[in-house]
Amino acid sequence: MSPRPATGDRFASFGEFYPFYIHEHSNRTCRRIHVIGSGLVLVALAAAVLSRNPWWLLAMPVIGYGFAWIGHFFFEKNQPATFKYPLWSLMGDWRMFFETLTGRRRF
């Protein structure tokens, strides 16, 4: 069963939201696709800085959301949390990414 908000249909804090976020990413392939997409977003950021080409900045959300949405629609078979919780979902993406990189969450 998915963790639900304590107050109506909204979470009171990111700490309350994050277990819901992780539950919405229980499919290993979906999580892997998210992590790869987040890594590629950082590559696009580096490309923008190094090449001084702002088009790479426009590619960042396309890459990040593209990978995430493929993971949700084809593997997790749920609606991305970003549709309802855009900021906390973005924060959750990066927390999950860094937890994976540091070995605190399995790839």
PDB file of N, CA and C in Angstrom:
ATOM      1  N   MET A   1       0.843  -1.184   0.000  1.00  0.00           N
ATOM      2  CA  MET A   1       0.000   0.000   0.000  1.00  0.00           C
ATOM      3  C   MET A   1       0.882   1.239   0.000  1.00  0.00           C
ATOM      4  N   SER A   2       0.547   2.195  -0.819  1.00  0.00           N
ATOM      5  CA  SER A   2       1.329   3.419  -0.966  1.00  0.00           C
ATOM      6  C   SER A   2       1.108   4.354   0.214  1.00  0.00           C
ATOM      7  N   PRO A   3       2.201   4.953   0.752  1.00  0.00           N
ATOM      8  CA  PRO A   3       2.028   5.959   1.805  1.00  0.00           C
ATOM      9  C   PRO A   3       1.183   7.122   1.277  1.00  0.00           C
ATOM     10  N   ARG A   4       0.276   7.593   2.063  1.00  0.00           N
ATOM     11  CA  ARG A   4      -0.617   8.675   1.650  1.00  0.00           C
ATOM     12  C   ARG A   4      -0.410   9.902   2.526  1.00  0.00           C
ATOM     13  N   PRO A   5      -0.775  11.077   2.019  1.00  0.00           N
ATOM     14  CA  PRO A   5      -0.632  12.309   2.797  1.00  0.00           C
ATOM     15  C   PRO A   5      -1.470  12.289   4.057  1.00  0.00           C
ATOM     16  N   ALA A   6      -0.947  12.935   5.103  1.00  0.00           N
ATOM     17  CA  ALA A   6      -1.675  13.011   6.359  1.00  0.00           C
ATOM     18  C   ALA A   6      -2.834  13.995   6.279  1.00  0.00           C
ATOM     19  N   THR A   7      -2.695  15.016   5.452  1.00  0.00           N
ATOM     20  CA  THR A   7      -3.725  16.051   5.368  1.00  0.00           C
ATOM     21  C   THR A   7      -4.318  16.093   3.968  1.00  0.00           C
ATOM     22  N   GLY A   8      -5.490  15.543   3.813  1.00  0.00           N
ATOM     23  CA  GLY A   8      -6.168  15.579   2.520  1.00  0.00           C
ATOM     24  C   GLY A   8      -5.358  14.886   1.445  1.00  0.00           C
ATOM     25  N   ASP A   9      -5.128  15.581   0.352  1.00  0.00           N
ATOM     26  CA  ASP A   9      -4.369  14.979  -0.736  1.00  0.00           C
ATOM     27  C   ASP A   9      -2.999  15.651  -0.898  1.00  0.00           C
ATOM     28  N   ARG A  10      -2.529  16.354   0.110  1.00  0.00           N
ATOM     29  CA  ARG A  10      -1.227  17.018   0.062  1.00  0.00           C
ATOM     30  C   ARG A  10      -0.360  16.536   1.219  1.00  0.00           C
ATOM     31  N   PHE A  11       0.935  16.490   0.985  1.00  0.00           N
ATOM     32  CA  PHE A  11       1.886  16.132   2.035  1.00  0.00           C
ATOM     33  C   PHE A  11       2.288  17.391   2.784  1.00  0.00           C
ATOM     34  N   ALA A  12       2.550  17.249   4.074  1.00  0.00           N
ATOM     35  CA  ALA A  12       2.903  18.401   4.906  1.00  0.00           C
ATOM     36  C   ALA A  12       4.374  18.774   4.796  1.00  0.00           C
ATOM     37  N   SER A  13       5.227  17.833   4.376  1.00  0.00           N
ATOM     38  CA  SER A  13       6.662  18.100   4.308  1.00  0.00           C
ATOM     39  C   SER A  13       7.313  17.159   3.302  1.00  0.00           C
ATOM     40  N   PHE A  14       8.537  17.491   2.908  1.00  0.00           N
ATOM     41  CA  PHE A  14       9.271  16.605   2.009  1.00  0.00           C
ATOM     42  C   PHE A  14       9.567  15.288   2.718  1.00  0.00           C
ATOM     43  N   GLY A  15       9.847  15.337   4.006  1.00  0.00           N
ATOM     44  CA  GLY A  15      10.093  14.116   4.772  1.00  0.00           C
ATOM     45  C   GLY A  15       8.906  13.173   4.746  1.00  0.00           C
ATOM     46  N   GLU A  16       7.726  13.720   4.734  1.00  0.00           N
ATOM     47  CA  GLU A  16       6.508  12.920   4.650  1.00  0.00           C
ATOM     48  C   GLU A  16       6.294  12.423   3.222  1.00  0.00           C
ATOM     49  N   PHE A  17       6.689  13.235   2.243  1.00  0.00           N
ATOM     50  CA  PHE A  17       6.509  12.905   0.835  1.00  0.00           C
ATOM     51  C   PHE A  17       7.465  11.816   0.362  1.00  0.00           C
ATOM     52  N   TYR A  18       8.713  11.816   0.849  1.00  0.00           N
ATOM     53  CA  TYR A  18       9.746  10.949   0.279  1.00  0.00           C
ATOM     54  C   TYR A  18       9.409   9.452   0.336  1.00  0.00           C
ATOM     55  N   PRO A  19       8.850   8.923   1.417  1.00  0.00           N
ATOM     56  CA  PRO A  19       8.459   7.495   1.384  1.00  0.00           C
ATOM     57  C   PRO A  19       7.434   7.198   0.283  1.00  0.00           C
ATOM     58  N   PHE A  20       6.508   8.124   0.047  1.00  0.00           N
ATOM     59  CA  PHE A  20       5.558   7.976  -1.056  1.00  0.00           C
ATOM     60  C   PHE A  20       6.310   7.958  -2.378  1.00  0.00           C
ATOM     61  N   TYR A  21       7.252   8.879  -2.543  1.00  0.00           N
ATOM     62  CA  TYR A  21       8.049   8.970  -3.768  1.00  0.00           C
ATOM     63  C   TYR A  21       8.784   7.659  -4.034  1.00  0.00           C
ATOM     64  N   ILE A  22       9.435   7.122  -3.012  1.00  0.00           N
ATOM     65  CA  ILE A  22      10.179   5.868  -3.160  1.00  0.00           C
ATOM     66  C   ILE A  22       9.224   4.726  -3.509  1.00  0.00           C
ATOM     67  N   HIS A  23       8.062   4.695  -2.882  1.00  0.00           N
ATOM     68  CA  HIS A  23       7.084   3.648  -3.191  1.00  0.00           C
ATOM     69  C   HIS A  23       6.652   3.724  -4.651  1.00  0.00           C
ATOM     70  N   GLU A  24       6.537   4.932  -5.186  1.00  0.00           N
ATOM     71  CA  GLU A  24       6.148   5.117  -6.578  1.00  0.00           C
ATOM     72  C   GLU A  24       7.267   4.719  -7.547  1.00  0.00           C
ATOM     73  N   HIS A  25       8.426   4.362  -6.999  1.00  0.00           N
ATOM     74  CA  HIS A  25       9.579   3.914  -7.789  1.00  0.00           C
ATOM     75  C   HIS A  25      10.029   2.530  -7.328  1.00  0.00           C
ATOM     76  N   SER A  26       9.086   1.661  -7.072  1.00  0.00           N
ATOM     77  CA  SER A  26       9.424   0.326  -6.564  1.00  0.00           C
ATOM     78  C   SER A  26       9.942  -0.600  -7.662  1.00  0.00           C
ATOM     79  N   ASN A  27       9.675  -0.280  -8.913  1.00  0.00           N
ATOM     80  CA  ASN A  27      10.176  -1.090 -10.022  1.00  0.00           C
ATOM     81  C   ASN A  27      11.647  -0.765 -10.267  1.00  0.00           C
ATOM     82  N   ARG A  28      12.497  -1.763 -10.230  1.00  0.00           N
ATOM     83  CA  ARG A  28      13.947  -1.571 -10.347  1.00  0.00           C
ATOM     84  C   ARG A  28      14.336  -0.923 -11.674  1.00  0.00           C
ATOM     85  N   THR A  29      13.697  -1.316 -12.761  1.00  0.00           N
ATOM     86  CA  THR A  29      14.013  -0.733 -14.067  1.00  0.00           C
ATOM     87  C   THR A  29      13.648   0.748 -14.098  1.00  0.00           C
ATOM     88  N   CYS A  30      12.524   1.103 -13.527  1.00  0.00           N
ATOM     89  CA  CYS A  30      12.112   2.504 -13.464  1.00  0.00           C
ATOM     90  C   CYS A  30      13.157   3.318 -12.691  1.00  0.00           C
ATOM     91  N   ARG A  31      13.589   2.803 -11.535  1.00  0.00           N
ATOM     92  CA  ARG A  31      14.611   3.510 -10.739  1.00  0.00           C
ATOM     93  C   ARG A  31      15.898   3.667 -11.529  1.00  0.00           C
ATOM     94  N   ARG A  32      16.307   2.612 -12.212  1.00  0.00           N
ATOM     95  CA  ARG A  32      17.543   2.675 -13.000  1.00  0.00           C
ATOM     96  C   ARG A  32      17.439   3.722 -14.103  1.00  0.00           C
ATOM     97  N   ILE A  33      16.309   3.758 -14.778  1.00  0.00           N
ATOM     98  CA  ILE A  33      16.119   4.741 -15.840  1.00  0.00           C
ATOM     99  C   ILE A  33      16.158   6.157 -15.267  1.00  0.00           C
ATOM    100  N   HIS A  34      15.567   6.350 -14.083  1.00  0.00           N
ATOM    101  CA  HIS A  34      15.631   7.659 -13.424  1.00  0.00           C
ATOM    102  C   HIS A  34      17.077   8.060 -13.145  1.00  0.00           C
ATOM    103  N   VAL A  35      17.837   7.141 -12.592  1.00  0.00           N
ATOM    104  CA  VAL A  35      19.228   7.444 -12.225  1.00  0.00           C
ATOM    105  C   VAL A  35      20.046   7.763 -13.476  1.00  0.00           C
ATOM    106  N   ILE A  36      19.870   7.000 -14.524  1.00  0.00           N
ATOM    107  CA  ILE A  36      20.588   7.267 -15.775  1.00  0.00           C
ATOM    108  C   ILE A  36      20.179   8.633 -16.331  1.00  0.00           C
ATOM    109  N   GLY A  37      18.895   8.921 -16.341  1.00  0.00           N
ATOM    110  CA  GLY A  37      18.421  10.215 -16.824  1.00  0.00           C
ATOM    111  C   GLY A  37      18.988  11.374 -16.022  1.00  0.00           C
ATOM    112  N   SER A  38      19.027  11.233 -14.700  1.00  0.00           N
ATOM    113  CA  SER A  38      19.598  12.293 -13.858  1.00  0.00           C
ATOM    114  C   SER A  38      21.080  12.486 -14.153  1.00  0.00           C
ATOM    115  N   GLY A  39      21.784  11.378 -14.344  1.00  0.00           N
ATOM    116  CA  GLY A  39      23.203  11.480 -14.703  1.00  0.00           C
ATOM    117  C   GLY A  39      23.398  12.197 -16.025  1.00  0.00           C
ATOM    118  N   LEU A  40      22.543  11.909 -16.993  1.00  0.00           N
ATOM    119  CA  LEU A  40      22.634  12.572 -18.296  1.00  0.00           C
ATOM    120  C   LEU A  40      22.273  14.057 -18.214  1.00  0.00           C
ATOM    121  N   VAL A  41      21.409  14.407 -17.276  1.00  0.00           N
ATOM    122  CA  VAL A  41      21.105  15.827 -17.047  1.00  0.00           C
ATOM    123  C   VAL A  41      22.371  16.549 -16.592  1.00  0.00           C
ATOM    124  N   LEU A  42      23.144  15.910 -15.718  1.00  0.00           N
ATOM    125  CA  LEU A  42      24.400  16.516 -15.279  1.00  0.00           C
ATOM    126  C   LEU A  42      25.400  16.608 -16.424  1.00  0.00           C
ATOM    127  N   VAL A  43      25.413  15.620 -17.300  1.00  0.00           N
ATOM    128  CA  VAL A  43      26.283  15.664 -18.481  1.00  0.00           C
ATOM    129  C   VAL A  43      25.864  16.839 -19.375  1.00  0.00           C
ATOM    130  N   ALA A  44      24.567  17.036 -19.566  1.00  0.00           N
ATOM    131  CA  ALA A  44      24.081  18.158 -20.374  1.00  0.00           C
ATOM    132  C   ALA A  44      24.462  19.493 -19.744  1.00  0.00           C
ATOM    133  N   LEU A  45      24.396  19.570 -18.416  1.00  0.00           N
ATOM    134  CA  LEU A  45      24.812  20.791 -17.723  1.00  0.00           C
ATOM    135  C   LEU A  45      26.294  21.059 -17.960  1.00  0.00           C
ATOM    136  N   ALA A  46      27.110  20.036 -17.833  1.00  0.00           N
ATOM    137  CA  ALA A  46      28.545  20.184 -18.087  1.00  0.00           C
ATOM    138  C   ALA A  46      28.792  20.596 -19.536  1.00  0.00           C
ATOM    139  N   ALA A  47      28.051  20.009 -20.466  1.00  0.00           N
ATOM    140  CA  ALA A  47      28.198  20.367 -21.879  1.00  0.00           C
ATOM    141  C   ALA A  47      27.833  21.833 -22.110  1.00  0.00           C
ATOM    142  N   ALA A  48      26.794  22.314 -21.423  1.00  0.00           N
ATOM    143  CA  ALA A  48      26.387  23.719 -21.559  1.00  0.00           C
ATOM    144  C   ALA A  48      27.481  24.648 -21.056  1.00  0.00           C
ATOM    145  N   VAL A  49      28.059  24.295 -19.920  1.00  0.00           N
ATOM    146  CA  VAL A  49      29.112  25.131 -19.332  1.00  0.00           C
ATOM    147  C   VAL A  49      30.368  25.096 -20.193  1.00  0.00           C
ATOM    148  N   LEU A  50      30.789  23.904 -20.573  1.00  0.00           N
ATOM    149  CA  LEU A  50      32.045  23.762 -21.318  1.00  0.00           C
ATOM    150  C   LEU A  50      31.955  24.315 -22.738  1.00  0.00           C
ATOM    151  N   SER A  51      30.818  24.123 -23.372  1.00  0.00           N
ATOM    152  CA  SER A  51      30.668  24.583 -24.759  1.00  0.00           C
ATOM    153  C   SER A  51      30.114  26.005 -24.850  1.00  0.00           C
ATOM    154  N   ARG A  52      29.620  26.496 -23.711  1.00  0.00           N
ATOM    155  CA  ARG A  52      28.948  27.808 -23.674  1.00  0.00           C
ATOM    156  C   ARG A  52      27.777  27.856 -24.657  1.00  0.00           C
ATOM    157  N   ASN A  53      27.143  26.706 -24.815  1.00  0.00           N
ATOM    158  CA  ASN A  53      26.007  26.583 -25.718  1.00  0.00           C
ATOM    159  C   ASN A  53      24.739  26.409 -24.873  1.00  0.00           C
ATOM    160  N   PRO A  54      23.869  27.421 -24.827  1.00  0.00           N
ATOM    161  CA  PRO A  54      22.675  27.351 -23.977  1.00  0.00           C
ATOM    162  C   PRO A  54      21.646  26.312 -24.410  1.00  0.00           C
ATOM    163  N   TRP A  55      21.766  25.787 -25.630  1.00  0.00           N
ATOM    164  CA  TRP A  55      20.819  24.758 -26.065  1.00  0.00           C
ATOM    165  C   TRP A  55      20.877  23.529 -25.168  1.00  0.00           C
ATOM    166  N   TRP A  56      22.049  23.259 -24.593  1.00  0.00           N
ATOM    167  CA  TRP A  56      22.165  22.131 -23.674  1.00  0.00           C
ATOM    168  C   TRP A  56      21.284  22.328 -22.442  1.00  0.00           C
ATOM    169  N   LEU A  57      21.105  23.582 -22.019  1.00  0.00           N
ATOM    170  CA  LEU A  57      20.238  23.856 -20.867  1.00  0.00           C
ATOM    171  C   LEU A  57      18.792  23.502 -21.190  1.00  0.00           C
ATOM    172  N   LEU A  58      18.389  23.753 -22.419  1.00  0.00           N
ATOM    173  CA  LEU A  58      17.027  23.381 -22.824  1.00  0.00           C
ATOM    174  C   LEU A  58      16.861  21.866 -22.925  1.00  0.00           C
ATOM    175  N   ALA A  59      17.953  21.180 -23.197  1.00  0.00           N
ATOM    176  CA  ALA A  59      17.892  19.719 -23.290  1.00  0.00           C
ATOM    177  C   ALA A  59      17.731  19.067 -21.921  1.00  0.00           C
ATOM    178  N   MET A  60      18.162  19.751 -20.865  1.00  0.00           N
ATOM    179  CA  MET A  60      18.145  19.140 -19.530  1.00  0.00           C
ATOM    180  C   MET A  60      16.767  18.641 -19.096  1.00  0.00           C
ATOM    181  N   PRO A  61      15.714  19.469 -19.127  1.00  0.00           N
ATOM    182  CA  PRO A  61      14.411  18.935 -18.698  1.00  0.00           C
ATOM    183  C   PRO A  61      13.864  17.871 -19.647  1.00  0.00           C
ATOM    184  N   VAL A  62      14.181  17.992 -20.929  1.00  0.00           N
ATOM    185  CA  VAL A  62      13.725  16.980 -21.888  1.00  0.00           C
ATOM    186  C   VAL A  62      14.351  15.632 -21.558  1.00  0.00           C
ATOM    187  N   ILE A  63      15.644  15.644 -21.282  1.00  0.00           N
ATOM    188  CA  ILE A  63      16.345  14.408 -20.916  1.00  0.00           C
ATOM    189  C   ILE A  63      15.809  13.865 -19.590  1.00  0.00           C
ATOM    190  N   GLY A  64      15.797  14.715 -18.573  1.00  0.00           N
ATOM    191  CA  GLY A  64      15.380  14.266 -17.236  1.00  0.00           C
ATOM    192  C   GLY A  64      13.967  13.731 -17.196  1.00  0.00           C
ATOM    193  N   TYR A  65      13.029  14.533 -17.689  1.00  0.00           N
ATOM    194  CA  TYR A  65      11.634  14.094 -17.663  1.00  0.00           C
ATOM    195  C   TYR A  65      11.382  12.983 -18.667  1.00  0.00           C
ATOM    196  N   GLY A  66      12.064  13.030 -19.795  1.00  0.00           N
ATOM    197  CA  GLY A  66      11.898  11.966 -20.792  1.00  0.00           C
ATOM    198  C   GLY A  66      12.240  10.603 -20.230  1.00  0.00           C
ATOM    199  N   PHE A  67      13.398  10.494 -19.603  1.00  0.00           N
ATOM    200  CA  PHE A  67      13.790   9.217 -19.009  1.00  0.00           C
ATOM    201  C   PHE A  67      12.824   8.822 -17.893  1.00  0.00           C
ATOM    202  N   ALA A  68      12.483   9.766 -17.028  1.00  0.00           N
ATOM    203  CA  ALA A  68      11.594   9.453 -15.904  1.00  0.00           C
ATOM    204  C   ALA A  68      10.234   8.971 -16.390  1.00  0.00           C
ATOM    205  N   TRP A  69       9.675   9.651 -17.359  1.00  0.00           N
ATOM    206  CA  TRP A  69       8.338   9.297 -17.826  1.00  0.00           C
ATOM    207  C   TRP A  69       8.334   7.964 -18.555  1.00  0.00           C
ATOM    208  N   ILE A  70       9.394   7.652 -19.268  1.00  0.00           N
ATOM    209  CA  ILE A  70       9.497   6.320 -19.876  1.00  0.00           C
ATOM    210  C   ILE A  70       9.479   5.260 -18.779  1.00  0.00           C
ATOM    211  N   GLY A  71      10.238   5.506 -17.721  1.00  0.00           N
ATOM    212  CA  GLY A  71      10.264   4.565 -16.593  1.00  0.00           C
ATOM    213  C   GLY A  71       8.892   4.353 -15.985  1.00  0.00           C
ATOM    214  N   HIS A  72       8.158   5.449 -15.801  1.00  0.00           N
ATOM    215  CA  HIS A  72       6.839   5.330 -15.172  1.00  0.00           C
ATOM    216  C   HIS A  72       5.809   4.696 -16.104  1.00  0.00           C
ATOM    217  N   PHE A  73       5.733   5.173 -17.316  1.00  0.00           N
ATOM    218  CA  PHE A  73       4.671   4.703 -18.216  1.00  0.00           C
ATOM    219  C   PHE A  73       4.878   3.271 -18.703  1.00  0.00           C
ATOM    220  N   PHE A  74       6.131   2.867 -18.914  1.00  0.00           N
ATOM    221  CA  PHE A  74       6.384   1.544 -19.491  1.00  0.00           C
ATOM    222  C   PHE A  74       6.786   0.474 -18.474  1.00  0.00           C
ATOM    223  N   PHE A  75       7.358   0.867 -17.349  1.00  0.00           N
ATOM    224  CA  PHE A  75       7.841  -0.133 -16.387  1.00  0.00           C
ATOM    225  C   PHE A  75       7.101  -0.063 -15.056  1.00  0.00           C
ATOM    226  N   GLU A  76       6.983   1.120 -14.485  1.00  0.00           N
ATOM    227  CA  GLU A  76       6.290   1.255 -13.199  1.00  0.00           C
ATOM    228  C   GLU A  76       4.779   1.186 -13.394  1.00  0.00           C
ATOM    229  N   LYS A  77       4.331   1.632 -14.560  1.00  0.00           N
ATOM    230  CA  LYS A  77       2.915   1.659 -14.927  1.00  0.00           C
ATOM    231  C   LYS A  77       2.085   2.493 -13.937  1.00  0.00           C
ATOM    232  N   ASN A  78       2.618   3.674 -13.632  1.00  0.00           N
ATOM    233  CA  ASN A  78       1.895   4.624 -12.794  1.00  0.00           C
ATOM    234  C   ASN A  78       2.133   6.034 -13.328  1.00  0.00           C
ATOM    235  N   GLN A  79       1.458   6.982 -12.735  1.00  0.00           N
ATOM    236  CA  GLN A  79       1.609   8.372 -13.156  1.00  0.00           C
ATOM    237  C   GLN A  79       2.771   8.996 -12.386  1.00  0.00           C
ATOM    238  N   PRO A  80       3.669   9.703 -13.066  1.00  0.00           N
ATOM    239  CA  PRO A  80       4.790  10.330 -12.368  1.00  0.00           C
ATOM    240  C   PRO A  80       4.305  11.278 -11.266  1.00  0.00           C
ATOM    241  N   ALA A  81       4.988  11.240 -10.129  1.00  0.00           N
ATOM    242  CA  ALA A  81       4.633  12.100  -8.998  1.00  0.00           C
ATOM    243  C   ALA A  81       4.778  13.576  -9.351  1.00  0.00           C
ATOM    244  N   THR A  82       5.591  13.876 -10.351  1.00  0.00           N
ATOM    245  CA  THR A  82       5.816  15.267 -10.737  1.00  0.00           C
ATOM    246  C   THR A  82       4.542  15.949 -11.228  1.00  0.00           C
ATOM    247  N   PHE A  83       3.569  15.186 -11.684  1.00  0.00           N
ATOM    248  CA  PHE A  83       2.313  15.785 -12.151  1.00  0.00           C
ATOM    249  C   PHE A  83       1.552  16.443 -11.004  1.00  0.00           C
ATOM    250  N   LYS A  84       1.685  15.889  -9.799  1.00  0.00           N
ATOM    251  CA  LYS A  84       0.960  16.421  -8.647  1.00  0.00           C
ATOM    252  C   LYS A  84       1.872  17.169  -7.678  1.00  0.00           C
ATOM    253  N   TYR A  85       3.124  16.755  -7.603  1.00  0.00           N
ATOM    254  CA  TYR A  85       4.082  17.339  -6.662  1.00  0.00           C
ATOM    255  C   TYR A  85       5.373  17.707  -7.400  1.00  0.00           C
ATOM    256  N   PRO A  86       5.355  18.732  -8.254  1.00  0.00           N
ATOM    257  CA  PRO A  86       6.520  18.991  -9.115  1.00  0.00           C
ATOM    258  C   PRO A  86       7.813  19.295  -8.363  1.00  0.00           C
ATOM    259  N   LEU A  87       7.797  20.159  -7.365  1.00  0.00           N
ATOM    260  CA  LEU A  87       9.036  20.513  -6.669  1.00  0.00           C
ATOM    261  C   LEU A  87       9.541  19.359  -5.821  1.00  0.00           C
ATOM    262  N   TRP A  88       8.658  18.757  -5.034  1.00  0.00           N
ATOM    263  CA  TRP A  88       9.099  17.651  -4.187  1.00  0.00           C
ATOM    264  C   TRP A  88       9.528  16.446  -5.016  1.00  0.00           C
ATOM    265  N   SER A  89       8.914  16.251  -6.155  1.00  0.00           N
ATOM    266  CA  SER A  89       9.321  15.162  -7.033  1.00  0.00           C
ATOM    267  C   SER A  89      10.732  15.406  -7.571  1.00  0.00           C
ATOM    268  N   LEU A  90      11.023  16.640  -7.964  1.00  0.00           N
ATOM    269  CA  LEU A  90      12.366  16.973  -8.422  1.00  0.00           C
ATOM    270  C   LEU A  90      13.387  16.757  -7.307  1.00  0.00           C
ATOM    271  N   MET A  91      13.037  17.185  -6.107  1.00  0.00           N
ATOM    272  CA  MET A  91      13.916  16.956  -4.955  1.00  0.00           C
ATOM    273  C   MET A  91      14.093  15.456  -4.703  1.00  0.00           C
ATOM    274  N   GLY A  92      13.012  14.704  -4.835  1.00  0.00           N
ATOM    275  CA  GLY A  92      13.075  13.253  -4.651  1.00  0.00           C
ATOM    276  C   GLY A  92      13.963  12.588  -5.687  1.00  0.00           C
ATOM    277  N   ASP A  93      13.883  13.059  -6.945  1.00  0.00           N
ATOM    278  CA  ASP A  93      14.750  12.516  -7.998  1.00  0.00           C
ATOM    279  C   ASP A  93      16.217  12.640  -7.608  1.00  0.00           C
ATOM    280  N   TRP A  94      16.592  13.840  -7.158  1.00  0.00           N
ATOM    281  CA  TRP A  94      18.012  14.055  -6.839  1.00  0.00           C
ATOM    282  C   TRP A  94      18.423  13.328  -5.566  1.00  0.00           C
ATOM    283  N   ARG A  95      17.529  13.243  -4.593  1.00  0.00           N
ATOM    284  CA  ARG A  95      17.867  12.476  -3.390  1.00  0.00           C
ATOM    285  C   ARG A  95      18.070  11.001  -3.743  1.00  0.00           C
ATOM    286  N   MET A  96      17.150  10.439  -4.542  1.00  0.00           N
ATOM    287  CA  MET A  96      17.280   9.046  -4.950  1.00  0.00           C
ATOM    288  C   MET A  96      18.561   8.848  -5.769  1.00  0.00           C
ATOM    289  N   PHE A  97      18.889   9.798  -6.644  1.00  0.00           N
ATOM    290  CA  PHE A  97      20.105   9.731  -7.449  1.00  0.00           C
ATOM    291  C   PHE A  97      21.344   9.670  -6.551  1.00  0.00           C
ATOM    292  N   PHE A  98      21.444  10.584  -5.590  1.00  0.00           N
ATOM    293  CA  PHE A  98      22.623  10.613  -4.724  1.00  0.00           C
ATOM    294  C   PHE A  98      22.657   9.435  -3.752  1.00  0.00           C
ATOM    295  N   GLU A  99      21.501   8.971  -3.299  1.00  0.00           N
ATOM    296  CA  GLU A  99      21.475   7.759  -2.471  1.00  0.00           C
ATOM    297  C   GLU A  99      21.983   6.559  -3.270  1.00  0.00           C
ATOM    298  N   THR A 100      21.645   6.513  -4.539  1.00  0.00           N
ATOM    299  CA  THR A 100      22.119   5.418  -5.397  1.00  0.00           C
ATOM    300  C   THR A 100      23.621   5.525  -5.626  1.00  0.00           C
ATOM    301  N   LEU A 101      24.099   6.723  -5.931  1.00  0.00           N
ATOM    302  CA  LEU A 101      25.540   6.916  -6.160  1.00  0.00           C
ATOM    303  C   LEU A 101      26.382   6.588  -4.936  1.00  0.00           C
ATOM    304  N   THR A 102      25.853   6.879  -3.761  1.00  0.00           N
ATOM    305  CA  THR A 102      26.612   6.644  -2.534  1.00  0.00           C
ATOM    306  C   THR A 102      26.394   5.241  -1.968  1.00  0.00           C
ATOM    307  N   GLY A 103      25.598   4.426  -2.648  1.00  0.00           N
ATOM    308  CA  GLY A 103      25.384   3.050  -2.211  1.00  0.00           C
ATOM    309  C   GLY A 103      24.317   2.887  -1.138  1.00  0.00           C
ATOM    310  N   ARG A 104      23.628   3.944  -0.788  1.00  0.00           N
ATOM    311  CA  ARG A 104      22.570   3.834   0.227  1.00  0.00           C
ATOM    312  C   ARG A 104      21.286   3.257  -0.347  1.00  0.00           C
ATOM    313  N   ARG A 105      21.169   3.258  -1.680  1.00  0.00           N
ATOM    314  CA  ARG A 105      20.020   2.664  -2.360  1.00  0.00           C
ATOM    315  C   ARG A 105      20.558   1.817  -3.506  1.00  0.00           C
ATOM    316  N   ARG A 106      20.019   0.620  -3.681  1.00  0.00           N
ATOM    317  CA  ARG A 106      20.492  -0.288  -4.732  1.00  0.00           C
ATOM    318  C   ARG A 106      20.134   0.236  -6.108  1.00  0.00           C
ATOM    319  N   PHE A 107      21.078   0.069  -7.035  1.00  0.00           N
ATOM    320  CA  PHE A 107      20.847   0.425  -8.428  1.00  0.00           C
ATOM    321  C   PHE A 107      20.039  -0.688  -9.071  1.00  0.00           C
TER     322      PHE A 107
END
